[in-house]
Amino acid sequence: MPVEHISPQLFEKLVDLAAIALDPSESEYLRSELNNQLTAIKELMAIKLDETLTPALHGVPFESADRQAMREDTLLPYATPEDIISQAPQSEDNYIVVPDIPHSELD
């Protein structure tokens, strides 16, 4: 069943899951904008299309002859990685140490 609109309660749950800090005015603005997007999607879904029409990824034809060839992934080691590591606030065993990212278990 599609969501008709994003209620304040649902929005608060989504904000909590995303671990975003919003003040009340930001929260209401963003919820309103998301509801506007849902309305636009519903309007687009209401347009009747020919069943034989094939879906397109984008509106411009993009032939394989027109695109550049894929490049090879090649390893280009940096000559003196110690120079980069020495600039980090904290390092250990030639790795840059970064702070832990706080997270919580999802319901």
PDB file of N, CA and C in Angstrom:
ATOM      1  N   MET A   1       0.844  -1.172   0.000  1.00  0.00           N
ATOM      2  CA  MET A   1       0.000   0.000   0.000  1.00  0.00           C
ATOM      3  C   MET A   1       0.894   1.241   0.000  1.00  0.00           C
ATOM      4  N   PRO A   2       0.737   2.122  -0.998  1.00  0.00           N
ATOM      5  CA  PRO A   2       1.595   3.295  -1.055  1.00  0.00           C
ATOM      6  C   PRO A   2       1.298   4.280   0.067  1.00  0.00           C
ATOM      7  N   VAL A   3       2.302   5.000   0.478  1.00  0.00           N
ATOM      8  CA  VAL A   3       2.141   6.016   1.517  1.00  0.00           C
ATOM      9  C   VAL A   3       1.460   7.229   0.895  1.00  0.00           C
ATOM     10  N   GLU A   4       0.358   7.683   1.493  1.00  0.00           N
ATOM     11  CA  GLU A   4      -0.364   8.839   0.977  1.00  0.00           C
ATOM     12  C   GLU A   4       0.384  10.130   1.287  1.00  0.00           C
ATOM     13  N   HIS A   5       0.914  10.217   2.468  1.00  0.00           N
ATOM     14  CA  HIS A   5       1.734  11.360   2.851  1.00  0.00           C
ATOM     15  C   HIS A   5       2.595  10.942   4.037  1.00  0.00           C
ATOM     16  N   ILE A   6       3.597  11.728   4.315  1.00  0.00           N
ATOM     17  CA  ILE A   6       4.495  11.438   5.434  1.00  0.00           C
ATOM     18  C   ILE A   6       3.987  12.220   6.638  1.00  0.00           C
ATOM     19  N   SER A   7       3.493  11.504   7.613  1.00  0.00           N
ATOM     20  CA  SER A   7       2.964  12.136   8.820  1.00  0.00           C
ATOM     21  C   SER A   7       4.125  12.634   9.689  1.00  0.00           C
ATOM     22  N   PRO A   8       3.856  13.558  10.598  1.00  0.00           N
ATOM     23  CA  PRO A   8       4.921  14.013  11.502  1.00  0.00           C
ATOM     24  C   PRO A   8       5.532  12.849  12.296  1.00  0.00           C
ATOM     25  N   GLN A   9       4.701  11.879  12.698  1.00  0.00           N
ATOM     26  CA  GLN A   9       5.220  10.747  13.469  1.00  0.00           C
ATOM     27  C   GLN A   9       6.154   9.886  12.621  1.00  0.00           C
ATOM     28  N   LEU A  10       5.754   9.589  11.383  1.00  0.00           N
ATOM     29  CA  LEU A  10       6.603   8.799  10.492  1.00  0.00           C
ATOM     30  C   LEU A  10       7.886   9.559  10.190  1.00  0.00           C
ATOM     31  N   PHE A  11       7.776  10.853   9.944  1.00  0.00           N
ATOM     32  CA  PHE A  11       8.957  11.658   9.646  1.00  0.00           C
ATOM     33  C   PHE A  11       9.936  11.632  10.817  1.00  0.00           C
ATOM     34  N   GLU A  12       9.440  11.771  12.043  1.00  0.00           N
ATOM     35  CA  GLU A  12      10.321  11.741  13.219  1.00  0.00           C
ATOM     36  C   GLU A  12      11.030  10.397  13.336  1.00  0.00           C
ATOM     37  N   LYS A  13      10.331   9.319  13.024  1.00  0.00           N
ATOM     38  CA  LYS A  13      10.959   7.988  13.066  1.00  0.00           C
ATOM     39  C   LYS A  13      12.068   7.900  12.026  1.00  0.00           C
ATOM     40  N   LEU A  14      11.813   8.419  10.816  1.00  0.00           N
ATOM     41  CA  LEU A  14      12.826   8.409   9.759  1.00  0.00           C
ATOM     42  C   LEU A  14      14.026   9.268  10.135  1.00  0.00           C
ATOM     43  N   VAL A  15      13.776  10.412  10.747  1.00  0.00           N
ATOM     44  CA  VAL A  15      14.863  11.294  11.188  1.00  0.00           C
ATOM     45  C   VAL A  15      15.699  10.588  12.255  1.00  0.00           C
ATOM     46  N   ASP A  16      15.042   9.888  13.170  1.00  0.00           N
ATOM     47  CA  ASP A  16      15.774   9.143  14.200  1.00  0.00           C
ATOM     48  C   ASP A  16      16.620   8.040  13.587  1.00  0.00           C
ATOM     49  N   LEU A  17      16.064   7.311  12.615  1.00  0.00           N
ATOM     50  CA  LEU A  17      16.813   6.235  11.965  1.00  0.00           C
ATOM     51  C   LEU A  17      18.018   6.780  11.203  1.00  0.00           C
ATOM     52  N   ALA A  18      17.858   7.953  10.602  1.00  0.00           N
ATOM     53  CA  ALA A  18      18.948   8.563   9.846  1.00  0.00           C
ATOM     54  C   ALA A  18      19.933   9.305  10.740  1.00  0.00           C
ATOM     55  N   ALA A  19      19.596   9.445  12.006  1.00  0.00           N
ATOM     56  CA  ALA A  19      20.440  10.144  12.984  1.00  0.00           C
ATOM     57  C   ALA A  19      20.748  11.562  12.513  1.00  0.00           C
ATOM     58  N   ILE A  20      19.683  12.278  12.120  1.00  0.00           N
ATOM     59  CA  ILE A  20      19.813  13.663  11.668  1.00  0.00           C
ATOM     60  C   ILE A  20      19.251  14.575  12.755  1.00  0.00           C
ATOM     61  N   ALA A  21      19.955  15.648  13.023  1.00  0.00           N
ATOM     62  CA  ALA A  21      19.475  16.632  13.988  1.00  0.00           C
ATOM     63  C   ALA A  21      18.825  17.783  13.231  1.00  0.00           C
ATOM     64  N   LEU A  22      17.524  17.971  13.428  1.00  0.00           N
ATOM     65  CA  LEU A  22      16.784  19.043  12.769  1.00  0.00           C
ATOM     66  C   LEU A  22      16.011  19.834  13.812  1.00  0.00           C
ATOM     67  N   ASP A  23      15.989  21.155  13.643  1.00  0.00           N
ATOM     68  CA  ASP A  23      15.129  21.928  14.530  1.00  0.00           C
ATOM     69  C   ASP A  23      13.700  21.843  13.979  1.00  0.00           C
ATOM     70  N   PRO A  24      12.692  22.231  14.744  1.00  0.00           N
ATOM     71  CA  PRO A  24      11.301  22.061  14.299  1.00  0.00           C
ATOM     72  C   PRO A  24      10.981  22.706  12.951  1.00  0.00           C
ATOM     73  N   SER A  25      11.523  23.884  12.673  1.00  0.00           N
ATOM     74  CA  SER A  25      11.212  24.534  11.393  1.00  0.00           C
ATOM     75  C   SER A  25      11.862  23.785  10.229  1.00  0.00           C
ATOM     76  N   GLU A  26      13.098  23.304  10.411  1.00  0.00           N
ATOM     77  CA  GLU A  26      13.752  22.502   9.375  1.00  0.00           C
ATOM     78  C   GLU A  26      12.992  21.202   9.151  1.00  0.00           C
ATOM     79  N   SER A  27      12.571  20.602  10.234  1.00  0.00           N
ATOM     80  CA  SER A  27      11.849  19.344  10.166  1.00  0.00           C
ATOM     81  C   SER A  27      10.551  19.499   9.374  1.00  0.00           C
ATOM     82  N   GLU A  28       9.783  20.526   9.672  1.00  0.00           N
ATOM     83  CA  GLU A  28       8.518  20.736   8.975  1.00  0.00           C
ATOM     84  C   GLU A  28       8.742  21.080   7.506  1.00  0.00           C
ATOM     85  N   TYR A  29       9.766  21.882   7.223  1.00  0.00           N
ATOM     86  CA  TYR A  29      10.075  22.232   5.838  1.00  0.00           C
ATOM     87  C   TYR A  29      10.440  20.984   5.036  1.00  0.00           C
ATOM     88  N   LEU A  30      11.325  20.166   5.577  1.00  0.00           N
ATOM     89  CA  LEU A  30      11.758  18.959   4.865  1.00  0.00           C
ATOM     90  C   LEU A  30      10.602  17.979   4.684  1.00  0.00           C
ATOM     91  N   ARG A  31       9.777  17.812   5.710  1.00  0.00           N
ATOM     92  CA  ARG A  31       8.613  16.916   5.595  1.00  0.00           C
ATOM     93  C   ARG A  31       7.666  17.414   4.508  1.00  0.00           C
ATOM     94  N   SER A  32       7.459  18.722   4.457  1.00  0.00           N
ATOM     95  CA  SER A  32       6.601  19.315   3.437  1.00  0.00           C
ATOM     96  C   SER A  32       7.170  19.080   2.036  1.00  0.00           C
ATOM     97  N   GLU A  33       8.474  19.266   1.882  1.00  0.00           N
ATOM     98  CA  GLU A  33       9.111  19.050   0.577  1.00  0.00           C
ATOM     99  C   GLU A  33       9.019  17.579   0.152  1.00  0.00           C
ATOM    100  N   LEU A  34       9.205  16.661   1.086  1.00  0.00           N
ATOM    101  CA  LEU A  34       9.078  15.232   0.754  1.00  0.00           C
ATOM    102  C   LEU A  34       7.646  14.896   0.344  1.00  0.00           C
ATOM    103  N   ASN A  35       6.680  15.478   1.025  1.00  0.00           N
ATOM    104  CA  ASN A  35       5.281  15.263   0.645  1.00  0.00           C
ATOM    105  C   ASN A  35       4.995  15.839  -0.739  1.00  0.00           C
ATOM    106  N   ASN A  36       5.614  16.973  -1.077  1.00  0.00           N
ATOM    107  CA  ASN A  36       5.468  17.525  -2.424  1.00  0.00           C
ATOM    108  C   ASN A  36       6.040  16.567  -3.469  1.00  0.00           C
ATOM    109  N   GLN A  37       7.159  15.935  -3.156  1.00  0.00           N
ATOM    110  CA  GLN A  37       7.757  14.968  -4.073  1.00  0.00           C
ATOM    111  C   GLN A  37       6.837  13.756  -4.250  1.00  0.00           C
ATOM    112  N   LEU A  38       6.240  13.291  -3.156  1.00  0.00           N
ATOM    113  CA  LEU A  38       5.296  12.175  -3.265  1.00  0.00           C
ATOM    114  C   LEU A  38       4.110  12.539  -4.149  1.00  0.00           C
ATOM    115  N   THR A  39       3.623  13.757  -4.019  1.00  0.00           N
ATOM    116  CA  THR A  39       2.516  14.223  -4.853  1.00  0.00           C
ATOM    117  C   THR A  39       2.921  14.223  -6.320  1.00  0.00           C
ATOM    118  N   ALA A  40       4.119  14.710  -6.624  1.00  0.00           N
ATOM    119  CA  ALA A  40       4.598  14.736  -8.005  1.00  0.00           C
ATOM    120  C   ALA A  40       4.735  13.325  -8.560  1.00  0.00           C
ATOM    121  N   ILE A  41       5.222  12.399  -7.756  1.00  0.00           N
ATOM    122  CA  ILE A  41       5.356  11.007  -8.192  1.00  0.00           C
ATOM    123  C   ILE A  41       3.991  10.411  -8.491  1.00  0.00           C
ATOM    124  N   LYS A  42       3.010  10.673  -7.643  1.00  0.00           N
ATOM    125  CA  LYS A  42       1.648  10.167  -7.879  1.00  0.00           C
ATOM    126  C   LYS A  42       1.086  10.714  -9.182  1.00  0.00           C
ATOM    127  N   GLU A  43       1.335  11.995  -9.471  1.00  0.00           N
ATOM    128  CA  GLU A  43       0.853  12.589 -10.712  1.00  0.00           C
ATOM    129  C   GLU A  43       1.510  11.932 -11.923  1.00  0.00           C
ATOM    130  N   LEU A  44       2.806  11.652 -11.832  1.00  0.00           N
ATOM    131  CA  LEU A  44       3.494  10.983 -12.935  1.00  0.00           C
ATOM    132  C   LEU A  44       2.995   9.557 -13.120  1.00  0.00           C
ATOM    133  N   MET A  45       2.723   8.866 -12.012  1.00  0.00           N
ATOM    134  CA  MET A  45       2.241   7.483 -12.101  1.00  0.00           C
ATOM    135  C   MET A  45       0.838   7.416 -12.704  1.00  0.00           C
ATOM    136  N   ALA A  46       0.076   8.506 -12.620  1.00  0.00           N
ATOM    137  CA  ALA A  46      -1.286   8.525 -13.155  1.00  0.00           C
ATOM    138  C   ALA A  46      -1.314   8.663 -14.672  1.00  0.00           C
ATOM    139  N   ILE A  47      -0.186   9.013 -15.283  1.00  0.00           N
ATOM    140  CA  ILE A  47      -0.134   9.165 -16.739  1.00  0.00           C
ATOM    141  C   ILE A  47      -0.191   7.784 -17.384  1.00  0.00           C
ATOM    142  N   LYS A  48      -1.153   7.583 -18.280  1.00  0.00           N
ATOM    143  CA  LYS A  48      -1.299   6.310 -18.976  1.00  0.00           C
ATOM    144  C   LYS A  48      -0.265   6.231 -20.096  1.00  0.00           C
ATOM    145  N   LEU A  49       0.475   5.138 -20.133  1.00  0.00           N
ATOM    146  CA  LEU A  49       1.485   4.924 -21.164  1.00  0.00           C
ATOM    147  C   LEU A  49       1.142   3.692 -21.986  1.00  0.00           C
ATOM    148  N   ASP A  50       1.586   3.694 -23.226  1.00  0.00           N
ATOM    149  CA  ASP A  50       1.409   2.544 -24.103  1.00  0.00           C
ATOM    150  C   ASP A  50       2.181   1.353 -23.513  1.00  0.00           C
ATOM    151  N   GLU A  51       1.532   0.209 -23.445  1.00  0.00           N
ATOM    152  CA  GLU A  51       2.159  -0.975 -22.846  1.00  0.00           C
ATOM    153  C   GLU A  51       3.402  -1.428 -23.609  1.00  0.00           C
ATOM    154  N   THR A  52       3.482  -1.101 -24.897  1.00  0.00           N
ATOM    155  CA  THR A  52       4.624  -1.552 -25.701  1.00  0.00           C
ATOM    156  C   THR A  52       5.818  -0.614 -25.585  1.00  0.00           C
ATOM    157  N   LEU A  53       5.647   0.497 -24.907  1.00  0.00           N
ATOM    158  CA  LEU A  53       6.724   1.462 -24.741  1.00  0.00           C
ATOM    159  C   LEU A  53       7.788   0.879 -23.821  1.00  0.00           C
ATOM    160  N   THR A  54       9.033   0.858 -24.287  1.00  0.00           N
ATOM    161  CA  THR A  54      10.112   0.305 -23.463  1.00  0.00           C
ATOM    162  C   THR A  54      10.649   1.369 -22.511  1.00  0.00           C
ATOM    163  N   PRO A  55      10.954   0.999 -21.293  1.00  0.00           N
ATOM    164  CA  PRO A  55      11.484   1.968 -20.335  1.00  0.00           C
ATOM    165  C   PRO A  55      12.849   2.486 -20.792  1.00  0.00           C
ATOM    166  N   ALA A  56      13.137   3.724 -20.467  1.00  0.00           N
ATOM    167  CA  ALA A  56      14.424   4.336 -20.796  1.00  0.00           C
ATOM    168  C   ALA A  56      15.104   4.769 -19.510  1.00  0.00           C
ATOM    169  N   LEU A  57      16.422   4.662 -19.510  1.00  0.00           N
ATOM    170  CA  LEU A  57      17.177   5.121 -18.353  1.00  0.00           C
ATOM    171  C   LEU A  57      17.285   6.636 -18.332  1.00  0.00           C
ATOM    172  N   HIS A  58      17.281   7.229 -19.504  1.00  0.00           N
ATOM    173  CA  HIS A  58      17.304   8.681 -19.634  1.00  0.00           C
ATOM    174  C   HIS A  58      16.687   9.035 -20.976  1.00  0.00           C
ATOM    175  N   GLY A  59      16.419  10.303 -21.204  1.00  0.00           N
ATOM    176  CA  GLY A  59      15.689  10.714 -22.385  1.00  0.00           C
ATOM    177  C   GLY A  59      16.517  10.865 -23.639  1.00  0.00           C
ATOM    178  N   VAL A  60      17.830  10.764 -23.552  1.00  0.00           N
ATOM    179  CA  VAL A  60      18.677  10.973 -24.719  1.00  0.00           C
ATOM    180  C   VAL A  60      19.244   9.634 -25.170  1.00  0.00           C
ATOM    181  N   PRO A  61      19.076   9.291 -26.459  1.00  0.00           N
ATOM    182  CA  PRO A  61      19.685   8.038 -26.934  1.00  0.00           C
ATOM    183  C   PRO A  61      21.204   8.103 -26.756  1.00  0.00           C
ATOM    184  N   PHE A  62      21.786   7.023 -26.314  1.00  0.00           N
ATOM    185  CA  PHE A  62      23.219   6.987 -26.030  1.00  0.00           C
ATOM    186  C   PHE A  62      23.763   5.701 -26.610  1.00  0.00           C
ATOM    187  N   GLU A  63      24.204   5.770 -27.840  1.00  0.00           N
ATOM    188  CA  GLU A  63      24.701   4.583 -28.538  1.00  0.00           C
ATOM    189  C   GLU A  63      26.085   4.203 -28.036  1.00  0.00           C
ATOM    190  N   SER A  64      26.400   2.925 -28.072  1.00  0.00           N
ATOM    191  CA  SER A  64      27.701   2.466 -27.577  1.00  0.00           C
ATOM    192  C   SER A  64      28.849   3.059 -28.383  1.00  0.00           C
ATOM    193  N   ALA A  65      28.615   3.373 -29.661  1.00  0.00           N
ATOM    194  CA  ALA A  65      29.673   3.966 -30.477  1.00  0.00           C
ATOM    195  C   ALA A  65      29.994   5.390 -30.024  1.00  0.00           C
ATOM    196  N   ASP A  66      29.063   6.041 -29.334  1.00  0.00           N
ATOM    197  CA  ASP A  66      29.252   7.420 -28.903  1.00  0.00           C
ATOM    198  C   ASP A  66      29.970   7.554 -27.574  1.00  0.00           C
ATOM    199  N   ARG A  67      30.037   6.499 -26.829  1.00  0.00           N
ATOM    200  CA  ARG A  67      30.635   6.625 -25.499  1.00  0.00           C
ATOM    201  C   ARG A  67      32.113   6.232 -25.508  1.00  0.00           C
ATOM    202  N   GLN A  68      32.823   6.783 -24.570  1.00  0.00           N
ATOM    203  CA  GLN A  68      34.250   6.482 -24.471  1.00  0.00           C
ATOM    204  C   GLN A  68      34.449   5.064 -23.959  1.00  0.00           C
ATOM    205  N   ALA A  69      35.547   4.466 -24.381  1.00  0.00           N
ATOM    206  CA  ALA A  69      35.874   3.116 -23.924  1.00  0.00           C
ATOM    207  C   ALA A  69      36.201   3.144 -22.439  1.00  0.00           C
ATOM    208  N   MET A  70      35.880   2.055 -21.756  1.00  0.00           N
ATOM    209  CA  MET A  70      36.205   1.945 -20.335  1.00  0.00           C
ATOM    210  C   MET A  70      37.723   1.923 -20.191  1.00  0.00           C
ATOM    211  N   ARG A  71      38.226   2.633 -19.204  1.00  0.00           N
ATOM    212  CA  ARG A  71      39.666   2.634 -18.982  1.00  0.00           C
ATOM    213  C   ARG A  71      40.041   1.504 -18.028  1.00  0.00           C
ATOM    214  N   GLU A  72      41.253   1.090 -18.116  1.00  0.00           N
ATOM    215  CA  GLU A  72      41.760   0.055 -17.226  1.00  0.00           C
ATOM    216  C   GLU A  72      41.989   0.652 -15.835  1.00  0.00           C
ATOM    217  N   ASP A  73      41.672  -0.102 -14.811  1.00  0.00           N
ATOM    218  CA  ASP A  73      42.020   0.309 -13.463  1.00  0.00           C
ATOM    219  C   ASP A  73      43.471  -0.078 -13.230  1.00  0.00           C
ATOM    220  N   THR A  74      44.289   0.905 -12.984  1.00  0.00           N
ATOM    221  CA  THR A  74      45.700   0.624 -12.751  1.00  0.00           C
ATOM    222  C   THR A  74      46.118   1.224 -11.419  1.00  0.00           C
ATOM    223  N   LEU A  75      46.926   0.481 -10.722  1.00  0.00           N
ATOM    224  CA  LEU A  75      47.442   0.921  -9.435  1.00  0.00           C
ATOM    225  C   LEU A  75      48.619   1.851  -9.682  1.00  0.00           C
ATOM    226  N   LEU A  76      48.522   3.054  -9.151  1.00  0.00           N
ATOM    227  CA  LEU A  76      49.615   4.007  -9.235  1.00  0.00           C
ATOM    228  C   LEU A  76      50.040   4.344  -7.813  1.00  0.00           C
ATOM    229  N   PRO A  77      50.957   3.564  -7.249  1.00  0.00           N
ATOM    230  CA  PRO A  77      51.350   3.799  -5.863  1.00  0.00           C
ATOM    231  C   PRO A  77      52.025   5.159  -5.700  1.00  0.00           C
ATOM    232  N   TYR A  78      51.748   5.792  -4.580  1.00  0.00           N
ATOM    233  CA  TYR A  78      52.362   7.072  -4.252  1.00  0.00           C
ATOM    234  C   TYR A  78      53.796   6.814  -3.812  1.00  0.00           C
ATOM    235  N   ALA A  79      54.705   7.643  -4.279  1.00  0.00           N
ATOM    236  CA  ALA A  79      56.132   7.387  -4.026  1.00  0.00           C
ATOM    237  C   ALA A  79      56.489   7.380  -2.548  1.00  0.00           C
ATOM    238  N   THR A  80      55.906   8.309  -1.791  1.00  0.00           N
ATOM    239  CA  THR A  80      56.256   8.385  -0.366  1.00  0.00           C
ATOM    240  C   THR A  80      54.979   8.488   0.472  1.00  0.00           C
ATOM    241  N   PRO A  81      54.297   7.369   0.720  1.00  0.00           N
ATOM    242  CA  PRO A  81      53.069   7.414   1.500  1.00  0.00           C
ATOM    243  C   PRO A  81      53.289   7.928   2.922  1.00  0.00           C
ATOM    244  N   GLU A  82      54.512   7.842   3.408  1.00  0.00           N
ATOM    245  CA  GLU A  82      54.806   8.346   4.760  1.00  0.00           C
ATOM    246  C   GLU A  82      54.514   9.848   4.853  1.00  0.00           C
ATOM    247  N   ASP A  83      54.719  10.561   3.737  1.00  0.00           N
ATOM    248  CA  ASP A  83      54.442  12.001   3.731  1.00  0.00           C
ATOM    249  C   ASP A  83      52.969  12.277   4.001  1.00  0.00           C
ATOM    250  N   ILE A  84      52.096  11.457   3.421  1.00  0.00           N
ATOM    251  CA  ILE A  84      50.653  11.638   3.619  1.00  0.00           C
ATOM    252  C   ILE A  84      50.277  11.246   5.038  1.00  0.00           C
ATOM    253  N   ILE A  85      50.768  10.104   5.493  1.00  0.00           N
ATOM    254  CA  ILE A  85      50.420   9.601   6.825  1.00  0.00           C
ATOM    255  C   ILE A  85      50.929  10.545   7.911  1.00  0.00           C
ATOM    256  N   SER A  86      52.062  11.181   7.667  1.00  0.00           N
ATOM    257  CA  SER A  86      52.620  12.094   8.673  1.00  0.00           C
ATOM    258  C   SER A  86      51.745  13.333   8.874  1.00  0.00           C
ATOM    259  N   GLN A  87      50.893  13.653   7.916  1.00  0.00           N
ATOM    260  CA  GLN A  87      50.013  14.815   8.030  1.00  0.00           C
ATOM    261  C   GLN A  87      48.734  14.513   8.823  1.00  0.00           C
ATOM    262  N   ALA A  88      48.458  13.233   9.054  1.00  0.00           N
ATOM    263  CA  ALA A  88      47.239  12.856   9.785  1.00  0.00           C
ATOM    264  C   ALA A  88      47.400  13.184  11.263  1.00  0.00           C
ATOM    265  N   PRO A  89      46.297  13.577  11.914  1.00  0.00           N
ATOM    266  CA  PRO A  89      46.381  13.871  13.348  1.00  0.00           C
ATOM    267  C   PRO A  89      46.809  12.653  14.165  1.00  0.00           C
ATOM    268  N   GLN A  90      46.436  11.452  13.696  1.00  0.00           N
ATOM    269  CA  GLN A  90      46.787  10.241  14.432  1.00  0.00           C
ATOM    270  C   GLN A  90      46.989   9.107  13.437  1.00  0.00           C
ATOM    271  N   SER A  91      48.040   8.320  13.635  1.00  0.00           N
ATOM    272  CA  SER A  91      48.296   7.164  12.771  1.00  0.00           C
ATOM    273  C   SER A  91      48.838   6.018  13.617  1.00  0.00           C
ATOM    274  N   GLU A  92      48.725   4.835  13.029  1.00  0.00           N
ATOM    275  CA  GLU A  92      49.202   3.638  13.726  1.00  0.00           C
ATOM    276  C   GLU A  92      49.533   2.571  12.687  1.00  0.00           C
ATOM    277  N   ASP A  93      50.741   2.026  12.730  1.00  0.00           N
ATOM    278  CA  ASP A  93      51.191   0.992  11.794  1.00  0.00           C
ATOM    279  C   ASP A  93      50.961   1.386  10.333  1.00  0.00           C
ATOM    280  N   ASN A  94      51.313   2.620   9.994  1.00  0.00           N
ATOM    281  CA  ASN A  94      51.157   3.157   8.636  1.00  0.00           C
ATOM    282  C   ASN A  94      49.711   3.242   8.155  1.00  0.00           C
ATOM    283  N   TYR A  95      48.759   3.337   9.081  1.00  0.00           N
ATOM    284  CA  TYR A  95      47.353   3.579   8.768  1.00  0.00           C
ATOM    285  C   TYR A  95      46.918   4.860   9.466  1.00  0.00           C
ATOM    286  N   ILE A  96      46.016   5.578   8.828  1.00  0.00           N
ATOM    287  CA  ILE A  96      45.450   6.771   9.447  1.00  0.00           C
ATOM    288  C   ILE A  96      44.330   6.340  10.378  1.00  0.00           C
ATOM    289  N   VAL A  97      44.385   6.796  11.623  1.00  0.00           N
ATOM    290  CA  VAL A  97      43.372   6.452  12.619  1.00  0.00           C
ATOM    291  C   VAL A  97      42.289   7.532  12.581  1.00  0.00           C
ATOM    292  N   VAL A  98      41.045   7.096  12.449  1.00  0.00           N
ATOM    293  CA  VAL A  98      39.913   8.027  12.424  1.00  0.00           C
ATOM    294  C   VAL A  98      39.003   7.722  13.604  1.00  0.00           C
ATOM    295  N   PRO A  99      38.211   8.702  14.045  1.00  0.00           N
ATOM    296  CA  PRO A  99      37.310   8.458  15.182  1.00  0.00           C
ATOM    297  C   PRO A  99      36.245   7.430  14.824  1.00  0.00           C
ATOM    298  N   ASP A 100      35.775   6.723  15.844  1.00  0.00           N
ATOM    299  CA  ASP A 100      34.668   5.788  15.640  1.00  0.00           C
ATOM    300  C   ASP A 100      33.423   6.547  15.204  1.00  0.00           C
ATOM    301  N   ILE A 101      32.626   5.907  14.376  1.00  0.00           N
ATOM    302  CA  ILE A 101      31.351   6.493  13.951  1.00  0.00           C
ATOM    303  C   ILE A 101      30.272   5.931  14.879  1.00  0.00           C
ATOM    304  N   PRO A 102      29.634   6.808  15.653  1.00  0.00           N
ATOM    305  CA  PRO A 102      28.603   6.290  16.572  1.00  0.00           C
ATOM    306  C   PRO A 102      27.415   5.751  15.780  1.00  0.00           C
ATOM    307  N   HIS A 103      26.890   4.653  16.245  1.00  0.00           N
ATOM    308  CA  HIS A 103      25.701   4.081  15.608  1.00  0.00           C
ATOM    309  C   HIS A 103      24.890   3.343  16.659  1.00  0.00           C
ATOM    310  N   SER A 104      23.686   3.032  16.296  1.00  0.00           N
ATOM    311  CA  SER A 104      22.839   2.275  17.202  1.00  0.00           C
ATOM    312  C   SER A 104      22.152   1.162  16.407  1.00  0.00           C
ATOM    313  N   GLU A 105      21.655   0.197  17.126  1.00  0.00           N
ATOM    314  CA  GLU A 105      20.975  -0.918  16.489  1.00  0.00           C
ATOM    315  C   GLU A 105      19.626  -0.453  15.952  1.00  0.00           C
ATOM    316  N   LEU A 106      19.260  -0.944  14.787  1.00  0.00           N
ATOM    317  CA  LEU A 106      17.948  -0.614  14.215  1.00  0.00           C
ATOM    318  C   LEU A 106      16.896  -1.562  14.746  1.00  0.00           C
ATOM    319  N   ASP A 107      15.672  -1.078  14.828  1.00  0.00           N
ATOM    320  CA  ASP A 107      14.572  -1.937  15.299  1.00  0.00           C
ATOM    321  C   ASP A 107      14.272  -3.012  14.287  1.00  0.00           C
TER     322      ASP A 107
END
